[in-house]
Amino acid sequence: MIDWDKLRRLRFDIGRNDFEDVVSLFLAEADAAIGRIANSKEPQGVAAELDFLKGAALSLGFVPLADLCERELERIANTGTGVDLIAISNTYTTCRAELWDEMTQVLGP
């Protein structure tokens, strides 16, 4: 589910010491974006948050979440309807749990 090679490259680029702090920051920003999506009534605002969330997801290797955000962005552009917040939230929660459960095992200390 997670692109671990992407996370390895991120850790290499920023260094082991700062990696966990950067991941925590990305996750906090993603949490906030999901909250803003849930509270937004404007399609343009939702689209902007989805685009931000997609970028954060790609940075963390959360491929399923990035793909879902892309599909939701296309749906908003084509139909103007709202997003499937439950699917987004569930996918994010699953990716986040996998990250914390397996990060040390996959990436090492």
C-alpha atoms as a PDB file:
ATOM      1  CA  MET A   1       0.000   0.000   0.000  1.00  0.00           C
ATOM      2  CA  ILE A   2       2.834   2.417   0.845  1.00  0.00           C
ATOM      3  CA  ASP A   3       5.608   3.150  -1.628  1.00  0.00           C
ATOM      4  CA  TRP A   4       8.485   2.404   0.733  1.00  0.00           C
ATOM      5  CA  ASP A   5      11.077   3.341  -1.884  1.00  0.00           C
ATOM      6  CA  LYS A   6       9.617   6.867  -1.873  1.00  0.00           C
ATOM      7  CA  LEU A   7      10.007   7.031   1.896  1.00  0.00           C
ATOM      8  CA  ARG A   8      13.569   5.699   1.689  1.00  0.00           C
ATOM      9  CA  ARG A   9      14.424   8.486  -0.766  1.00  0.00           C
ATOM     10  CA  LEU A  10      12.745  11.076   1.469  1.00  0.00           C
ATOM     11  CA  ARG A  11      14.699   9.857   4.486  1.00  0.00           C
ATOM     12  CA  PHE A  12      17.936   9.924   2.485  1.00  0.00           C
ATOM     13  CA  ASP A  13      17.202  13.449   1.202  1.00  0.00           C
ATOM     14  CA  ILE A  14      16.396  14.978   4.596  1.00  0.00           C
ATOM     15  CA  GLY A  15      18.510  12.723   6.788  1.00  0.00           C
ATOM     16  CA  ARG A  16      17.619  10.142   9.397  1.00  0.00           C
ATOM     17  CA  ASN A  17      17.598  12.647  12.252  1.00  0.00           C
ATOM     18  CA  ASP A  18      14.892  14.862  10.747  1.00  0.00           C
ATOM     19  CA  PHE A  19      12.881  12.154   9.011  1.00  0.00           C
ATOM     20  CA  GLU A  20      10.408  11.343  11.780  1.00  0.00           C
ATOM     21  CA  ASP A  21       9.770  15.039  12.460  1.00  0.00           C
ATOM     22  CA  VAL A  22       9.069  15.658   8.773  1.00  0.00           C
ATOM     23  CA  VAL A  23       6.745  12.647   8.584  1.00  0.00           C
ATOM     24  CA  SER A  24       4.903  13.873  11.693  1.00  0.00           C
ATOM     25  CA  LEU A  25       4.515  17.321  10.128  1.00  0.00           C
ATOM     26  CA  PHE A  26       3.159  15.842   6.889  1.00  0.00           C
ATOM     27  CA  LEU A  27       0.682  13.749   8.854  1.00  0.00           C
ATOM     28  CA  ALA A  28      -0.474  16.731  10.920  1.00  0.00           C
ATOM     29  CA  GLU A  29      -1.000  18.728   7.743  1.00  0.00           C
ATOM     30  CA  ALA A  30      -2.887  15.828   6.161  1.00  0.00           C
ATOM     31  CA  ASP A  31      -5.098  15.548   9.273  1.00  0.00           C
ATOM     32  CA  ALA A  32      -5.891  19.252   8.995  1.00  0.00           C
ATOM     33  CA  ALA A  33      -6.632  18.992   5.270  1.00  0.00           C
ATOM     34  CA  ILE A  34      -9.106  16.169   5.850  1.00  0.00           C
ATOM     35  CA  GLY A  35     -10.790  18.281   8.514  1.00  0.00           C
ATOM     36  CA  ARG A  36     -11.042  21.220   6.121  1.00  0.00           C
ATOM     37  CA  ILE A  37     -12.480  18.964   3.413  1.00  0.00           C
ATOM     38  CA  ALA A  38     -15.113  17.730   5.855  1.00  0.00           C
ATOM     39  CA  ASN A  39     -16.103  21.285   6.759  1.00  0.00           C
ATOM     40  CA  SER A  40     -15.942  22.916   3.330  1.00  0.00           C
ATOM     41  CA  LYS A  41     -19.053  23.514   1.284  1.00  0.00           C
ATOM     42  CA  GLU A  42     -17.334  25.121  -1.709  1.00  0.00           C
ATOM     43  CA  PRO A  43     -16.200  22.807  -4.522  1.00  0.00           C
ATOM     44  CA  GLN A  44     -13.164  25.010  -5.229  1.00  0.00           C
ATOM     45  CA  GLY A  45     -12.075  24.846  -1.594  1.00  0.00           C
ATOM     46  CA  VAL A  46     -12.539  21.097  -1.507  1.00  0.00           C
ATOM     47  CA  ALA A  47     -10.575  20.760  -4.749  1.00  0.00           C
ATOM     48  CA  ALA A  48      -7.703  22.827  -3.340  1.00  0.00           C
ATOM     49  CA  GLU A  49      -7.593  20.695  -0.187  1.00  0.00           C
ATOM     50  CA  LEU A  50      -7.732  17.477  -2.220  1.00  0.00           C
ATOM     51  CA  ASP A  51      -4.850  18.710  -4.332  1.00  0.00           C
ATOM     52  CA  PHE A  52      -2.853  19.523  -1.201  1.00  0.00           C
ATOM     53  CA  LEU A  53      -3.699  16.150   0.344  1.00  0.00           C
ATOM     54  CA  LYS A  54      -2.687  14.388  -2.865  1.00  0.00           C
ATOM     55  CA  GLY A  55       0.709  16.113  -2.738  1.00  0.00           C
ATOM     56  CA  ALA A  56       1.223  15.181   0.907  1.00  0.00           C
ATOM     57  CA  ALA A  57       0.170  11.606   0.148  1.00  0.00           C
ATOM     58  CA  LEU A  58       2.661  11.366  -2.707  1.00  0.00           C
ATOM     59  CA  SER A  59       5.429  12.743  -0.486  1.00  0.00           C
ATOM     60  CA  LEU A  60       4.733  10.017   2.078  1.00  0.00           C
ATOM     61  CA  GLY A  61       4.310   7.254  -0.489  1.00  0.00           C
ATOM     62  CA  PHE A  62       0.584   6.894   0.282  1.00  0.00           C
ATOM     63  CA  VAL A  63      -0.206   5.823  -3.279  1.00  0.00           C
ATOM     64  CA  PRO A  64      -3.816   4.653  -2.675  1.00  0.00           C
ATOM     65  CA  LEU A  65      -4.688   7.975  -1.030  1.00  0.00           C
ATOM     66  CA  ALA A  66      -3.070  10.005  -3.802  1.00  0.00           C
ATOM     67  CA  ASP A  67      -4.955   7.964  -6.412  1.00  0.00           C
ATOM     68  CA  LEU A  68      -8.245   8.430  -4.561  1.00  0.00           C
ATOM     69  CA  CYS A  69      -7.683  12.191  -4.281  1.00  0.00           C
ATOM     70  CA  GLU A  70      -6.999  12.330  -8.019  1.00  0.00           C
ATOM     71  CA  ARG A  71     -10.222  10.451  -8.805  1.00  0.00           C
ATOM     72  CA  GLU A  72     -12.187  12.739  -6.469  1.00  0.00           C
ATOM     73  CA  LEU A  73     -10.645  15.821  -8.113  1.00  0.00           C
ATOM     74  CA  GLU A  74     -11.707  14.510 -11.518  1.00  0.00           C
ATOM     75  CA  ARG A  75     -15.210  13.870 -10.217  1.00  0.00           C
ATOM     76  CA  ILE A  76     -15.497  17.397  -8.828  1.00  0.00           C
ATOM     77  CA  ALA A  77     -14.241  18.834 -12.118  1.00  0.00           C
ATOM     78  CA  ASN A  78     -16.655  16.739 -14.171  1.00  0.00           C
ATOM     79  CA  THR A  79     -19.775  16.764 -12.026  1.00  0.00           C
ATOM     80  CA  GLY A  80     -19.338  19.446  -9.378  1.00  0.00           C
ATOM     81  CA  THR A  81     -20.453  16.971  -6.720  1.00  0.00           C
ATOM     82  CA  GLY A  82     -18.920  16.494  -3.288  1.00  0.00           C
ATOM     83  CA  VAL A  83     -16.258  14.015  -2.311  1.00  0.00           C
ATOM     84  CA  ASP A  84     -16.450  10.616  -0.700  1.00  0.00           C
ATOM     85  CA  LEU A  85     -15.052  11.749   2.635  1.00  0.00           C
ATOM     86  CA  ILE A  86     -15.510   8.318   4.206  1.00  0.00           C
ATOM     87  CA  ALA A  87     -13.336   6.682   1.542  1.00  0.00           C
ATOM     88  CA  ILE A  88     -10.701   9.397   1.854  1.00  0.00           C
ATOM     89  CA  SER A  89     -10.659   9.201   5.642  1.00  0.00           C
ATOM     90  CA  ASN A  90     -10.543   5.397   5.692  1.00  0.00           C
ATOM     91  CA  THR A  91      -7.770   5.232   3.103  1.00  0.00           C
ATOM     92  CA  TYR A  92      -5.733   7.831   4.968  1.00  0.00           C
ATOM     93  CA  THR A  93      -6.232   6.036   8.286  1.00  0.00           C
ATOM     94  CA  THR A  94      -5.128   2.741   6.748  1.00  0.00           C
ATOM     95  CA  CYS A  95      -2.020   4.277   5.166  1.00  0.00           C
ATOM     96  CA  ARG A  96      -1.130   6.131   8.347  1.00  0.00           C
ATOM     97  CA  ALA A  97      -1.465   2.982  10.464  1.00  0.00           C
ATOM     98  CA  GLU A  98       0.661   0.987   8.017  1.00  0.00           C
ATOM     99  CA  LEU A  99       3.315   3.693   8.117  1.00  0.00           C
ATOM    100  CA  TRP A 100       3.634   3.715  11.911  1.00  0.00           C
ATOM    101  CA  ASP A 101       3.257  -0.067  12.233  1.00  0.00           C
ATOM    102  CA  GLU A 102       5.897  -0.955   9.649  1.00  0.00           C
ATOM    103  CA  MET A 103       8.216   2.057   9.313  1.00  0.00           C
ATOM    104  CA  THR A 104      10.993   0.827  11.599  1.00  0.00           C
ATOM    105  CA  GLN A 105      10.718  -2.716  10.276  1.00  0.00           C
ATOM    106  CA  VAL A 106      10.881  -1.684   6.606  1.00  0.00           C
ATOM    107  CA  LEU A 107      13.176   1.333   6.820  1.00  0.00           C
ATOM    108  CA  GLY A 108      15.268   0.290   9.809  1.00  0.00           C
ATOM    109  CA  PRO A 109      16.130   2.398  12.837  1.00  0.00           C
END
